[in-house]
């Protein structure tokens, strides 16, 4: 595998440019809340470093917070990213009830799938830039109850108003993975 650039999440600078009441559709339902718009500059890249993101925070405190790019630099690796999002859900188990979590589903640069979920014992497969998030990583069944079979999924916890960390997580999960062509399915196979 070619050597990857070492991205630093702290070099992703986020500044709010707008806040407004909004409605959006998710899962067939209309949700009302506040939409925050952010200008984002990724100083890890010399070119194609300016982005725009929206963070949709529902009025109901238990609903999902959505992070999505609105303006994406024109690079083949990032085509269609403006239609992708990551979702943060409220944690329900003590001591994490005041936090939101997002599953670690990384983009699949091969195009075979839209995302690849990371599970228990697979943290070491993640690129080095995930070190920034490691102190906040847990297994899903430690932060919430689950009826599905994803209790061993890796998640990242954040404070509900930490939009900067949420946007940085989008960069780690999608943008840099696609730019570097990191195929975690292949990494998983090599680790077995």
N, C-alpha and C. Protein backbone atom coordinates (compact mmCIF):
# COMPACT_ATOMS: atom_id res chain seq x y z
N UNK A 1 0.84 -1.18 0.00
CA UNK A 1 0.00 0.00 0.00
C UNK A 1 0.89 1.24 0.00
N UNK A 2 0.55 2.26 -0.83
CA UNK A 2 1.36 3.47 -0.86
C UNK A 2 1.31 4.21 0.48
N UNK A 3 2.37 4.93 0.75
CA UNK A 3 2.45 5.68 2.00
C UNK A 3 1.40 6.80 2.02
N UNK A 4 0.64 6.86 3.11
CA UNK A 4 -0.40 7.88 3.25
C UNK A 4 0.15 9.14 3.90
N UNK A 5 -0.43 10.25 3.52
CA UNK A 5 -0.12 11.52 4.17
C UNK A 5 -0.67 11.46 5.60
N UNK A 6 0.00 12.11 6.53
CA UNK A 6 -0.49 12.15 7.91
C UNK A 6 -1.32 13.42 8.07
N UNK A 7 -2.63 13.26 8.03
CA UNK A 7 -3.53 14.38 8.20
C UNK A 7 -3.69 14.69 9.68
N UNK A 8 -3.88 15.95 9.98
CA UNK A 8 -4.05 16.40 11.36
C UNK A 8 -5.42 17.06 11.48
N UNK A 9 -6.36 16.42 12.21
CA UNK A 9 -7.69 17.02 12.34
C UNK A 9 -7.68 18.44 12.90
N UNK A 10 -6.69 18.78 13.72
CA UNK A 10 -6.63 20.14 14.28
C UNK A 10 -6.31 21.18 13.21
N UNK A 11 -5.91 20.73 12.01
CA UNK A 11 -5.63 21.65 10.91
C UNK A 11 -6.87 21.88 10.03
N UNK A 12 -8.02 21.40 10.49
CA UNK A 12 -9.30 21.68 9.84
C UNK A 12 -9.95 22.80 10.64
N UNK A 13 -10.05 23.98 10.04
CA UNK A 13 -10.55 25.17 10.73
C UNK A 13 -11.99 25.45 10.33
N UNK A 14 -12.83 25.61 11.33
CA UNK A 14 -14.27 25.72 11.14
C UNK A 14 -14.75 27.06 11.66
N UNK A 15 -15.49 27.81 10.84
CA UNK A 15 -16.06 29.07 11.32
C UNK A 15 -17.50 29.19 10.81
N UNK A 16 -18.37 29.54 11.74
CA UNK A 16 -19.81 29.63 11.43
C UNK A 16 -20.08 30.85 10.57
N UNK A 17 -20.89 30.67 9.53
CA UNK A 17 -21.27 31.81 8.68
C UNK A 17 -22.77 32.09 8.70
N UNK A 18 -23.57 31.12 9.18
CA UNK A 18 -25.01 31.35 9.22
C UNK A 18 -25.67 30.38 10.19
N UNK A 19 -26.79 30.82 10.73
CA UNK A 19 -27.64 29.98 11.58
C UNK A 19 -29.07 30.38 11.29
N UNK A 20 -29.92 29.39 10.97
CA UNK A 20 -31.30 29.72 10.65
C UNK A 20 -32.22 28.55 10.97
N UNK A 21 -33.50 28.85 11.16
CA UNK A 21 -34.49 27.81 11.32
C UNK A 21 -34.68 27.12 9.98
N UNK A 22 -34.88 25.80 10.01
CA UNK A 22 -34.98 25.05 8.75
C UNK A 22 -35.81 23.80 8.95
N UNK A 23 -36.22 23.21 7.84
CA UNK A 23 -36.84 21.89 7.83
C UNK A 23 -36.08 21.03 6.83
N UNK A 24 -35.99 19.73 7.09
CA UNK A 24 -35.32 18.80 6.19
C UNK A 24 -35.97 17.44 6.31
N UNK A 25 -35.71 16.61 5.33
CA UNK A 25 -36.25 15.25 5.31
C UNK A 25 -35.16 14.27 5.69
N UNK A 26 -35.55 13.32 6.55
CA UNK A 26 -34.64 12.22 6.86
C UNK A 26 -35.49 11.01 7.20
N UNK A 27 -35.21 9.92 6.53
CA UNK A 27 -35.97 8.70 6.78
C UNK A 27 -37.44 8.85 6.49
N UNK A 28 -37.78 9.68 5.50
CA UNK A 28 -39.17 9.86 5.13
C UNK A 28 -39.95 10.82 6.02
N UNK A 29 -39.30 11.37 7.04
CA UNK A 29 -39.97 12.29 7.97
C UNK A 29 -39.44 13.70 7.78
N UNK A 30 -40.30 14.66 7.96
CA UNK A 30 -39.87 16.06 7.95
C UNK A 30 -39.47 16.43 9.37
N UNK A 31 -38.30 17.02 9.49
CA UNK A 31 -37.78 17.44 10.80
C UNK A 31 -37.59 18.94 10.80
N UNK A 32 -37.92 19.57 11.90
CA UNK A 32 -37.71 21.01 12.08
C UNK A 32 -36.60 21.22 13.10
N UNK A 33 -35.83 22.27 12.86
CA UNK A 33 -34.76 22.58 13.79
C UNK A 33 -33.94 23.76 13.31
N UNK A 34 -32.68 23.75 13.69
CA UNK A 34 -31.76 24.82 13.33
C UNK A 34 -30.69 24.27 12.41
N UNK A 35 -30.44 25.00 11.34
CA UNK A 35 -29.36 24.63 10.43
C UNK A 35 -28.23 25.64 10.58
N UNK A 36 -27.05 25.12 10.88
CA UNK A 36 -25.84 25.93 10.99
C UNK A 36 -25.02 25.73 9.72
N UNK A 37 -24.51 26.79 9.16
CA UNK A 37 -23.64 26.70 7.98
C UNK A 37 -22.24 27.14 8.40
N UNK A 38 -21.26 26.35 7.99
CA UNK A 38 -19.87 26.62 8.36
C UNK A 38 -18.98 26.69 7.13
N UNK A 39 -18.07 27.65 7.16
CA UNK A 39 -16.96 27.69 6.21
C UNK A 39 -15.86 26.85 6.83
N UNK A 40 -15.26 25.96 6.05
CA UNK A 40 -14.24 25.05 6.57
C UNK A 40 -13.02 25.11 5.67
N UNK A 41 -11.85 25.27 6.28
CA UNK A 41 -10.59 25.24 5.54
C UNK A 41 -9.73 24.12 6.08
N UNK A 42 -9.28 23.27 5.16
CA UNK A 42 -8.42 22.14 5.52
C UNK A 42 -6.98 22.49 5.18
N UNK A 43 -6.24 22.91 6.19
CA UNK A 43 -4.84 23.29 5.98
C UNK A 43 -3.92 22.10 5.77
N UNK A 44 -4.45 20.89 5.77
CA UNK A 44 -3.66 19.71 5.43
C UNK A 44 -3.40 19.64 3.93
N UNK A 45 -4.20 20.34 3.15
CA UNK A 45 -4.09 20.31 1.69
C UNK A 45 -3.62 21.66 1.17
N UNK A 46 -2.77 21.63 0.16
CA UNK A 46 -2.29 22.88 -0.42
C UNK A 46 -3.32 23.50 -1.35
N UNK A 47 -4.09 22.64 -2.03
CA UNK A 47 -5.14 23.13 -2.90
C UNK A 47 -6.43 22.39 -2.55
N UNK A 48 -7.53 22.83 -3.09
CA UNK A 48 -8.83 22.19 -2.80
C UNK A 48 -9.06 22.10 -1.29
N UNK A 49 -8.88 23.22 -0.64
CA UNK A 49 -8.95 23.19 0.82
C UNK A 49 -10.17 23.90 1.40
N UNK A 50 -10.99 24.51 0.55
CA UNK A 50 -12.15 25.26 1.05
C UNK A 50 -13.44 24.45 0.85
N UNK A 51 -14.17 24.31 1.94
CA UNK A 51 -15.41 23.54 1.95
C UNK A 51 -16.50 24.38 2.62
N UNK A 52 -17.72 23.93 2.46
CA UNK A 52 -18.83 24.50 3.22
C UNK A 52 -19.67 23.33 3.73
N UNK A 53 -20.02 23.37 5.01
CA UNK A 53 -20.78 22.30 5.65
C UNK A 53 -22.05 22.86 6.27
N UNK A 54 -23.06 21.99 6.35
CA UNK A 54 -24.25 22.31 7.13
C UNK A 54 -24.35 21.28 8.26
N UNK A 55 -24.78 21.78 9.41
CA UNK A 55 -25.05 20.94 10.57
C UNK A 55 -26.51 21.16 10.91
N UNK A 56 -27.29 20.10 10.83
CA UNK A 56 -28.73 20.20 11.09
C UNK A 56 -29.04 19.62 12.46
N UNK A 57 -29.51 20.50 13.35
CA UNK A 57 -29.81 20.13 14.73
C UNK A 57 -31.31 20.21 14.92
N UNK A 58 -31.96 19.08 15.17
CA UNK A 58 -33.42 19.09 15.31
C UNK A 58 -33.87 19.78 16.59
N UNK A 59 -35.11 20.27 16.56
CA UNK A 59 -35.70 20.91 17.73
C UNK A 59 -35.85 19.89 18.86
N UNK A 60 -36.30 18.70 18.54
CA UNK A 60 -36.47 17.64 19.55
C UNK A 60 -35.09 17.13 19.94
N UNK A 61 -34.77 17.18 21.23
CA UNK A 61 -33.44 16.82 21.70
C UNK A 61 -33.01 15.39 21.44
N UNK A 62 -33.95 14.48 21.19
CA UNK A 62 -33.57 13.09 21.01
C UNK A 62 -33.35 12.71 19.55
N UNK A 63 -33.58 13.65 18.62
CA UNK A 63 -33.43 13.35 17.20
C UNK A 63 -31.97 13.43 16.77
N UNK A 64 -31.73 12.98 15.55
CA UNK A 64 -30.36 12.87 15.02
C UNK A 64 -29.83 14.20 14.51
N UNK A 65 -28.54 14.46 14.75
CA UNK A 65 -27.84 15.62 14.22
C UNK A 65 -27.12 15.16 12.95
N UNK A 66 -27.30 15.91 11.87
CA UNK A 66 -26.76 15.52 10.56
C UNK A 66 -25.66 16.49 10.16
N UNK A 67 -24.53 15.92 9.70
CA UNK A 67 -23.40 16.71 9.20
C UNK A 67 -23.25 16.38 7.72
N UNK A 68 -23.22 17.43 6.87
CA UNK A 68 -23.15 17.19 5.43
C UNK A 68 -22.43 18.34 4.74
N UNK A 69 -21.52 18.02 3.81
CA UNK A 69 -20.91 19.10 3.04
C UNK A 69 -21.91 19.69 2.05
N UNK A 70 -21.85 20.99 1.87
CA UNK A 70 -22.74 21.65 0.91
C UNK A 70 -21.95 22.11 -0.31
N UNK A 71 -20.72 22.54 -0.10
CA UNK A 71 -19.83 22.93 -1.20
C UNK A 71 -18.57 22.08 -1.11
N UNK A 72 -18.29 21.33 -2.18
CA UNK A 72 -17.18 20.37 -2.21
C UNK A 72 -16.21 20.78 -3.31
N UNK A 73 -14.90 20.81 -3.03
CA UNK A 73 -13.93 21.10 -4.09
C UNK A 73 -14.06 20.10 -5.24
N UNK A 74 -13.74 20.56 -6.43
CA UNK A 74 -13.91 19.75 -7.63
C UNK A 74 -12.72 18.79 -7.80
N UNK A 75 -12.84 17.64 -7.16
CA UNK A 75 -11.85 16.57 -7.28
C UNK A 75 -12.59 15.28 -7.52
N UNK A 76 -12.07 14.46 -8.41
CA UNK A 76 -12.74 13.21 -8.76
C UNK A 76 -12.99 12.33 -7.53
N UNK A 77 -12.03 12.27 -6.63
CA UNK A 77 -12.16 11.42 -5.43
C UNK A 77 -13.35 11.83 -4.57
N UNK A 78 -13.76 13.10 -4.65
CA UNK A 78 -14.82 13.61 -3.78
C UNK A 78 -16.15 13.78 -4.50
N UNK A 79 -16.25 13.30 -5.72
CA UNK A 79 -17.50 13.43 -6.48
C UNK A 79 -18.64 12.78 -5.69
N UNK A 80 -19.72 13.49 -5.54
CA UNK A 80 -20.90 12.96 -4.86
C UNK A 80 -20.89 13.11 -3.34
N UNK A 81 -19.81 13.65 -2.76
CA UNK A 81 -19.77 13.80 -1.30
C UNK A 81 -20.82 14.77 -0.78
N UNK A 82 -21.29 15.66 -1.62
CA UNK A 82 -22.33 16.60 -1.18
C UNK A 82 -23.66 15.89 -0.94
N UNK A 83 -23.75 14.63 -1.35
CA UNK A 83 -24.95 13.83 -1.09
C UNK A 83 -24.74 12.85 0.06
N UNK A 84 -23.61 12.89 0.70
CA UNK A 84 -23.30 12.00 1.82
C UNK A 84 -23.38 12.78 3.13
N UNK A 85 -23.67 12.07 4.20
CA UNK A 85 -23.73 12.71 5.51
C UNK A 85 -23.29 11.70 6.57
N UNK A 86 -23.00 12.22 7.74
CA UNK A 86 -22.83 11.36 8.91
C UNK A 86 -23.85 11.83 9.93
N UNK A 87 -24.27 10.90 10.77
CA UNK A 87 -25.36 11.16 11.70
C UNK A 87 -24.90 10.90 13.12
N UNK A 88 -25.23 11.83 14.00
CA UNK A 88 -24.93 11.69 15.43
C UNK A 88 -26.23 11.46 16.18
N UNK A 89 -26.21 10.45 17.05
CA UNK A 89 -27.39 10.01 17.78
C UNK A 89 -27.11 10.16 19.28
N UNK A 90 -28.14 10.43 20.05
CA UNK A 90 -27.98 10.61 21.49
C UNK A 90 -27.62 9.28 22.16
N UNK A 91 -26.60 9.30 23.01
CA UNK A 91 -26.23 8.14 23.82
C UNK A 91 -27.27 7.97 24.93
N UNK A 92 -27.53 6.73 25.31
CA UNK A 92 -28.58 6.49 26.31
C UNK A 92 -28.09 5.83 27.59
N UNK A 93 -26.81 5.41 27.61
CA UNK A 93 -26.29 4.73 28.81
C UNK A 93 -25.41 5.67 29.63
N UNK A 94 -25.50 5.50 30.94
CA UNK A 94 -24.65 6.24 31.88
C UNK A 94 -23.21 5.74 31.70
N UNK A 95 -22.21 6.56 31.70
CA UNK A 95 -22.17 8.00 31.98
C UNK A 95 -22.17 8.87 30.71
N UNK A 96 -22.64 8.33 29.60
CA UNK A 96 -22.53 9.03 28.31
C UNK A 96 -23.81 9.74 27.87
N UNK A 97 -24.83 9.79 28.71
CA UNK A 97 -26.14 10.32 28.30
C UNK A 97 -26.11 11.76 27.80
N UNK A 98 -25.13 12.52 28.20
CA UNK A 98 -25.06 13.92 27.75
C UNK A 98 -24.38 14.05 26.39
N UNK A 99 -23.93 12.94 25.81
CA UNK A 99 -23.15 12.95 24.56
C UNK A 99 -23.98 12.46 23.38
N UNK A 100 -23.45 12.73 22.19
CA UNK A 100 -23.94 12.14 20.96
C UNK A 100 -22.86 11.19 20.47
N UNK A 101 -23.26 10.20 19.68
CA UNK A 101 -22.26 9.30 19.10
C UNK A 101 -22.52 9.12 17.61
N UNK A 102 -21.46 8.76 16.91
CA UNK A 102 -21.53 8.48 15.48
C UNK A 102 -20.75 7.19 15.24
N UNK A 103 -21.35 6.26 14.50
CA UNK A 103 -20.64 5.03 14.16
C UNK A 103 -19.46 5.35 13.24
N UNK A 104 -18.39 4.60 13.41
CA UNK A 104 -17.22 4.77 12.54
C UNK A 104 -17.46 3.94 11.29
N UNK A 105 -18.08 4.60 10.31
CA UNK A 105 -18.31 4.03 8.99
C UNK A 105 -17.48 4.83 8.00
N UNK A 106 -16.39 4.25 7.54
CA UNK A 106 -15.49 4.96 6.63
C UNK A 106 -15.94 4.77 5.19
N UNK A 107 -15.62 5.73 4.35
CA UNK A 107 -15.95 5.64 2.93
C UNK A 107 -15.19 4.49 2.29
N UNK A 108 -15.75 3.91 1.25
CA UNK A 108 -15.11 2.83 0.50
C UNK A 108 -14.65 3.39 -0.84
N UNK A 109 -13.33 3.61 -1.02
CA UNK A 109 -12.84 4.20 -2.26
C UNK A 109 -12.97 3.27 -3.47
N UNK A 110 -13.23 1.98 -3.24
CA UNK A 110 -13.37 1.05 -4.37
C UNK A 110 -14.73 1.19 -5.04
N UNK A 111 -15.70 1.79 -4.34
CA UNK A 111 -17.03 1.94 -4.89
C UNK A 111 -17.90 0.70 -4.76
N UNK A 112 -17.35 -0.38 -4.19
CA UNK A 112 -18.14 -1.61 -4.00
C UNK A 112 -19.27 -1.39 -2.99
N UNK A 113 -19.00 -0.56 -1.99
CA UNK A 113 -19.97 -0.21 -0.96
C UNK A 113 -19.89 1.30 -0.77
N UNK A 114 -20.87 1.88 -0.06
CA UNK A 114 -20.76 3.31 0.24
C UNK A 114 -19.92 3.53 1.49
N UNK A 115 -19.92 2.53 2.40
CA UNK A 115 -19.18 2.68 3.65
C UNK A 115 -18.77 1.32 4.19
N UNK A 116 -17.75 1.36 5.05
CA UNK A 116 -17.25 0.16 5.71
C UNK A 116 -17.27 0.41 7.21
N UNK A 117 -18.04 -0.36 7.95
CA UNK A 117 -18.14 -0.20 9.39
C UNK A 117 -16.96 -0.82 10.11
N UNK A 118 -16.51 -0.16 11.15
CA UNK A 118 -15.39 -0.67 11.96
C UNK A 118 -15.95 -1.27 13.24
N UNK A 119 -15.35 -2.38 13.65
CA UNK A 119 -15.87 -3.13 14.79
C UNK A 119 -14.80 -3.35 15.85
N UNK A 120 -15.21 -4.02 16.91
CA UNK A 120 -14.31 -4.33 18.02
C UNK A 120 -13.03 -4.98 17.50
N UNK A 121 -11.91 -4.51 18.02
CA UNK A 121 -10.61 -5.06 17.66
C UNK A 121 -10.03 -4.54 16.35
N UNK A 122 -10.70 -3.57 15.72
CA UNK A 122 -10.21 -3.07 14.43
C UNK A 122 -9.67 -1.65 14.48
N UNK A 123 -9.50 -1.10 15.65
CA UNK A 123 -8.98 0.28 15.76
C UNK A 123 -7.62 0.42 15.10
N UNK A 124 -6.80 -0.61 15.21
CA UNK A 124 -5.45 -0.51 14.65
C UNK A 124 -5.44 -0.45 13.12
N UNK A 125 -6.56 -0.81 12.49
CA UNK A 125 -6.64 -0.73 11.03
C UNK A 125 -6.88 0.70 10.54
N UNK A 126 -7.38 1.55 11.43
CA UNK A 126 -7.69 2.93 11.05
C UNK A 126 -6.41 3.72 10.79
N UNK A 127 -6.45 4.64 9.85
CA UNK A 127 -5.26 5.49 9.58
C UNK A 127 -4.85 6.28 10.82
N UNK A 128 -3.61 6.73 10.83
CA UNK A 128 -3.03 7.41 11.99
C UNK A 128 -3.79 8.67 12.40
N UNK A 129 -4.47 9.31 11.46
CA UNK A 129 -5.18 10.54 11.82
C UNK A 129 -6.33 10.30 12.77
N UNK A 130 -6.74 9.05 12.98
CA UNK A 130 -7.79 8.75 13.95
C UNK A 130 -7.29 8.83 15.40
N UNK A 131 -6.00 9.02 15.61
CA UNK A 131 -5.47 9.17 16.97
C UNK A 131 -6.16 10.33 17.69
N UNK A 132 -6.53 11.36 16.96
CA UNK A 132 -7.24 12.53 17.52
C UNK A 132 -8.57 12.11 18.14
N UNK A 133 -9.22 11.11 17.59
CA UNK A 133 -10.54 10.67 18.05
C UNK A 133 -10.47 9.52 19.05
N UNK A 134 -9.33 8.85 19.15
CA UNK A 134 -9.23 7.63 19.98
C UNK A 134 -9.70 7.80 21.42
N UNK A 135 -9.37 8.90 22.10
CA UNK A 135 -9.85 9.04 23.48
C UNK A 135 -11.37 9.08 23.59
N UNK A 136 -12.04 9.33 22.48
CA UNK A 136 -13.50 9.45 22.47
C UNK A 136 -14.18 8.25 21.82
N UNK A 137 -13.40 7.21 21.51
CA UNK A 137 -13.95 6.02 20.85
C UNK A 137 -14.41 5.01 21.89
N UNK A 138 -15.55 4.39 21.59
CA UNK A 138 -16.12 3.34 22.43
C UNK A 138 -16.77 2.30 21.53
N UNK A 139 -17.23 1.21 22.14
CA UNK A 139 -18.08 0.27 21.42
C UNK A 139 -19.52 0.71 21.60
N UNK A 140 -20.33 0.49 20.60
CA UNK A 140 -21.70 0.99 20.63
C UNK A 140 -22.47 0.50 21.85
N UNK A 141 -22.29 -0.77 22.24
CA UNK A 141 -23.08 -1.28 23.37
C UNK A 141 -22.68 -0.68 24.71
N UNK A 142 -21.60 0.11 24.76
CA UNK A 142 -21.26 0.80 26.01
C UNK A 142 -21.91 2.18 26.10
N UNK A 143 -22.47 2.68 24.97
CA UNK A 143 -23.07 4.01 24.98
C UNK A 143 -24.59 3.99 24.78
N UNK A 144 -25.13 2.89 24.27
CA UNK A 144 -26.58 2.80 24.04
C UNK A 144 -27.00 1.34 23.93
N UNK A 145 -28.29 1.10 24.13
CA UNK A 145 -28.82 -0.24 23.91
C UNK A 145 -29.06 -0.39 22.42
N UNK A 146 -29.01 -1.62 21.94
CA UNK A 146 -29.22 -1.85 20.52
C UNK A 146 -30.01 -3.13 20.31
N UNK A 147 -30.92 -3.09 19.37
CA UNK A 147 -31.70 -4.27 19.03
C UNK A 147 -31.10 -4.99 17.83
N UNK A 148 -30.23 -4.34 17.12
CA UNK A 148 -29.60 -4.94 15.95
C UNK A 148 -28.38 -5.74 16.34
N UNK A 149 -27.56 -6.05 15.34
CA UNK A 149 -26.35 -6.83 15.60
C UNK A 149 -25.10 -5.95 15.51
N UNK A 150 -25.25 -4.66 15.78
CA UNK A 150 -24.12 -3.75 15.68
C UNK A 150 -23.56 -3.32 17.03
N UNK A 151 -23.80 -4.10 18.06
CA UNK A 151 -23.33 -3.74 19.40
C UNK A 151 -21.81 -3.66 19.48
N UNK A 152 -21.10 -4.31 18.59
CA UNK A 152 -19.63 -4.26 18.59
C UNK A 152 -19.07 -3.20 17.65
N UNK A 153 -19.94 -2.37 17.11
CA UNK A 153 -19.50 -1.30 16.21
C UNK A 153 -18.71 -0.26 17.01
N UNK A 154 -17.66 0.27 16.39
CA UNK A 154 -16.90 1.36 16.98
C UNK A 154 -17.67 2.67 16.78
N UNK A 155 -17.70 3.51 17.80
CA UNK A 155 -18.35 4.81 17.71
C UNK A 155 -17.42 5.88 18.28
N UNK A 156 -17.71 7.14 17.94
CA UNK A 156 -17.00 8.29 18.49
C UNK A 156 -18.04 9.13 19.23
N UNK A 157 -17.72 9.50 20.47
CA UNK A 157 -18.58 10.36 21.29
C UNK A 157 -18.19 11.82 21.13
N UNK A 158 -19.21 12.70 21.11
CA UNK A 158 -18.95 14.15 21.06
C UNK A 158 -19.99 14.87 21.92
N UNK A 159 -19.66 16.08 22.32
CA UNK A 159 -20.64 16.93 22.98
C UNK A 159 -21.64 17.41 21.92
N UNK A 160 -22.91 17.57 22.29
CA UNK A 160 -23.94 17.94 21.30
C UNK A 160 -23.68 19.25 20.55
N UNK A 161 -22.95 20.18 21.16
CA UNK A 161 -22.70 21.45 20.47
C UNK A 161 -21.29 21.55 19.88
N UNK A 162 -20.55 20.46 19.84
CA UNK A 162 -19.19 20.46 19.30
C UNK A 162 -19.22 20.18 17.79
N UNK A 163 -19.74 21.13 17.05
CA UNK A 163 -19.87 20.97 15.60
C UNK A 163 -18.51 20.86 14.93
N UNK A 164 -17.52 21.53 15.50
CA UNK A 164 -16.17 21.48 14.93
C UNK A 164 -15.64 20.04 14.92
N UNK A 165 -15.76 19.32 16.04
CA UNK A 165 -15.28 17.94 16.10
C UNK A 165 -16.10 17.05 15.16
N UNK A 166 -17.40 17.32 15.04
CA UNK A 166 -18.25 16.54 14.14
C UNK A 166 -17.78 16.69 12.69
N UNK A 167 -17.50 17.93 12.30
CA UNK A 167 -17.01 18.18 10.93
C UNK A 167 -15.65 17.55 10.73
N UNK A 168 -14.78 17.63 11.71
CA UNK A 168 -13.47 16.99 11.61
C UNK A 168 -13.61 15.48 11.45
N UNK A 169 -14.61 14.90 12.12
CA UNK A 169 -14.85 13.46 11.96
C UNK A 169 -15.28 13.15 10.54
N UNK A 170 -16.09 14.00 9.93
CA UNK A 170 -16.45 13.78 8.52
C UNK A 170 -15.20 13.75 7.66
N UNK A 171 -14.26 14.66 7.89
CA UNK A 171 -13.01 14.65 7.13
C UNK A 171 -12.27 13.33 7.30
N UNK A 172 -12.20 12.85 8.54
CA UNK A 172 -11.47 11.60 8.82
C UNK A 172 -12.15 10.39 8.19
N UNK A 173 -13.48 10.34 8.25
CA UNK A 173 -14.23 9.18 7.77
C UNK A 173 -14.39 9.14 6.26
N UNK A 174 -14.50 10.28 5.64
CA UNK A 174 -14.85 10.32 4.22
C UNK A 174 -13.77 10.98 3.36
N UNK A 175 -13.47 12.22 3.64
CA UNK A 175 -12.65 13.04 2.73
C UNK A 175 -11.24 12.50 2.57
N UNK A 176 -10.53 12.32 3.68
CA UNK A 176 -9.14 11.87 3.59
C UNK A 176 -9.05 10.40 3.16
N UNK A 177 -10.00 9.58 3.59
CA UNK A 177 -10.02 8.17 3.18
C UNK A 177 -10.12 8.08 1.66
N UNK A 178 -11.05 8.87 1.07
CA UNK A 178 -11.22 8.84 -0.38
C UNK A 178 -10.02 9.44 -1.10
N UNK A 179 -9.47 10.53 -0.57
CA UNK A 179 -8.32 11.16 -1.20
C UNK A 179 -7.12 10.22 -1.25
N UNK A 180 -6.89 9.48 -0.17
CA UNK A 180 -5.75 8.55 -0.10
C UNK A 180 -6.07 7.17 -0.66
N UNK A 181 -7.34 6.90 -0.93
CA UNK A 181 -7.71 5.58 -1.46
C UNK A 181 -7.52 4.46 -0.44
N UNK A 182 -7.81 4.73 0.83
CA UNK A 182 -7.61 3.75 1.89
C UNK A 182 -8.72 2.72 1.84
N UNK A 183 -8.38 1.49 1.51
CA UNK A 183 -9.36 0.39 1.42
C UNK A 183 -9.27 -0.44 2.70
N UNK A 184 -10.14 -0.16 3.65
CA UNK A 184 -10.09 -0.87 4.93
C UNK A 184 -10.58 -2.32 4.81
N UNK A 185 -11.30 -2.64 3.76
CA UNK A 185 -11.67 -4.05 3.53
C UNK A 185 -10.41 -4.84 3.24
N UNK A 186 -9.52 -4.25 2.45
CA UNK A 186 -8.24 -4.90 2.13
C UNK A 186 -7.37 -5.01 3.38
N UNK A 187 -7.32 -3.92 4.17
CA UNK A 187 -6.56 -3.94 5.43
C UNK A 187 -7.07 -5.02 6.36
N UNK A 188 -8.38 -5.17 6.43
CA UNK A 188 -9.02 -6.18 7.26
C UNK A 188 -8.57 -7.58 6.83
N UNK A 189 -8.53 -7.81 5.52
CA UNK A 189 -8.10 -9.10 4.98
C UNK A 189 -6.64 -9.40 5.29
N UNK A 190 -5.79 -8.38 5.22
CA UNK A 190 -4.37 -8.56 5.52
C UNK A 190 -4.13 -8.83 7.00
N UNK A 191 -5.00 -8.29 7.86
CA UNK A 191 -4.84 -8.48 9.30
C UNK A 191 -5.29 -9.87 9.74
N UNK A 192 -6.12 -10.53 8.94
CA UNK A 192 -6.63 -11.86 9.32
C UNK A 192 -5.58 -12.94 9.18
